[in-house]
Amino acid sequence: MMDLDAKILLKYEPISKVGKGAYGIVWKAIEKSSKKMVAIKKIYDAFTNDTDAQRTYREIFFLLEMGNHPNIIKI
């Protein structure tokens, strides 16, 4: 659980690590207040340079645009 910040752990209960890549790590977790299953993605150094910032922005944009699809997580 050391990959997740203390602020995140106050709101979410991590269940398991789903995957890890060059840009970040994804956790399966439960939101403590609603008991809903969620995915948490921590992106490493998301805004250290223009390329990483653009990549992070693009991923958030795509998640927002496809949020109504049943196989896409909502942001």
Protein backbone atom coordinates (compact mmCIF):
# COMPACT_ATOMS: atom_id res chain seq x y z
CA MET A 1 0.00 0.00 0.00
CA MET A 2 3.04 2.26 0.05
CA ASP A 3 2.26 3.31 -3.55
CA LEU A 4 -0.90 5.13 -2.40
CA ASP A 5 -0.87 8.48 -0.60
CA ALA A 6 -2.25 8.77 2.94
CA LYS A 7 -5.06 11.07 1.70
CA ILE A 8 -6.28 8.32 -0.64
CA LEU A 9 -6.22 5.73 2.13
CA LEU A 10 -8.57 7.89 4.22
CA LYS A 11 -11.30 7.61 1.58
CA TYR A 12 -10.56 4.25 -0.07
CA GLU A 13 -9.74 0.73 1.11
CA PRO A 14 -7.32 -0.89 -1.36
CA ILE A 15 -8.14 -4.50 -2.20
CA SER A 16 -5.43 -5.49 -4.66
CA LYS A 17 -2.97 -4.17 -7.18
CA VAL A 18 -4.48 -4.65 -10.65
CA GLY A 19 -1.56 -3.63 -12.78
CA LYS A 20 1.59 -1.58 -13.07
CA GLY A 21 3.14 0.05 -16.11
CA ALA A 22 5.72 2.58 -17.11
CA TYR A 23 3.46 5.51 -16.23
CA GLY A 24 1.58 4.36 -13.15
CA ILE A 25 -0.18 1.76 -11.09
CA VAL A 26 -3.84 0.73 -10.84
CA TRP A 27 -5.54 -0.52 -7.67
CA LYS A 28 -8.89 -2.18 -7.09
CA ALA A 29 -10.43 -0.52 -4.02
CA ILE A 30 -13.63 0.13 -2.13
CA GLU A 31 -14.84 3.65 -1.45
CA LYS A 32 -15.39 3.65 2.31
CA SER A 33 -18.44 5.92 2.40
CA SER A 34 -20.50 4.27 -0.35
CA LYS A 35 -18.99 0.75 -0.30
CA LYS A 36 -18.71 0.96 -4.12
CA MET A 37 -15.95 -0.88 -5.97
CA VAL A 38 -13.62 1.57 -7.71
CA ALA A 39 -10.35 1.68 -9.61
CA ILE A 40 -7.60 4.04 -8.50
CA LYS A 41 -4.81 4.96 -10.87
CA LYS A 42 -1.74 6.73 -9.60
CA ILE A 43 0.23 8.31 -12.43
CA TYR A 44 3.89 8.85 -11.62
CA ASP A 45 5.28 12.32 -12.34
CA ALA A 46 2.19 13.25 -14.36
CA PHE A 47 3.23 16.86 -14.89
CA THR A 48 7.03 16.84 -14.83
CA ASN A 49 7.28 17.66 -18.53
CA ASP A 50 5.03 18.62 -21.44
CA THR A 51 4.83 15.10 -22.87
CA ASP A 52 3.73 13.48 -19.61
CA ALA A 53 1.25 16.27 -18.93
CA GLN A 54 -0.28 15.86 -22.40
CA ARG A 55 -0.51 12.07 -21.95
CA THR A 56 -2.24 12.48 -18.58
CA TYR A 57 -4.66 15.08 -19.94
CA ARG A 58 -5.49 12.86 -22.93
CA GLU A 59 -6.27 9.87 -20.71
CA ILE A 60 -8.58 11.93 -18.48
CA PHE A 61 -10.30 13.43 -21.54
CA PHE A 62 -10.93 9.98 -23.05
CA LEU A 63 -12.32 8.62 -19.78
CA LEU A 64 -14.72 11.55 -19.54
CA GLU A 65 -15.84 11.17 -23.16
CA MET A 66 -16.43 7.40 -22.92
CA GLY A 67 -17.86 7.45 -19.40
CA ASN A 68 -21.31 6.19 -20.46
CA HIS A 69 -19.98 2.94 -21.91
CA PRO A 70 -20.60 -0.04 -19.57
CA ASN A 71 -17.01 -1.30 -19.96
CA ILE A 72 -15.34 2.02 -19.18
CA ILE A 73 -14.81 3.25 -15.65
CA LYS A 74 -16.37 6.57 -14.76
CA ILE A 75 -14.21 9.45 -13.70
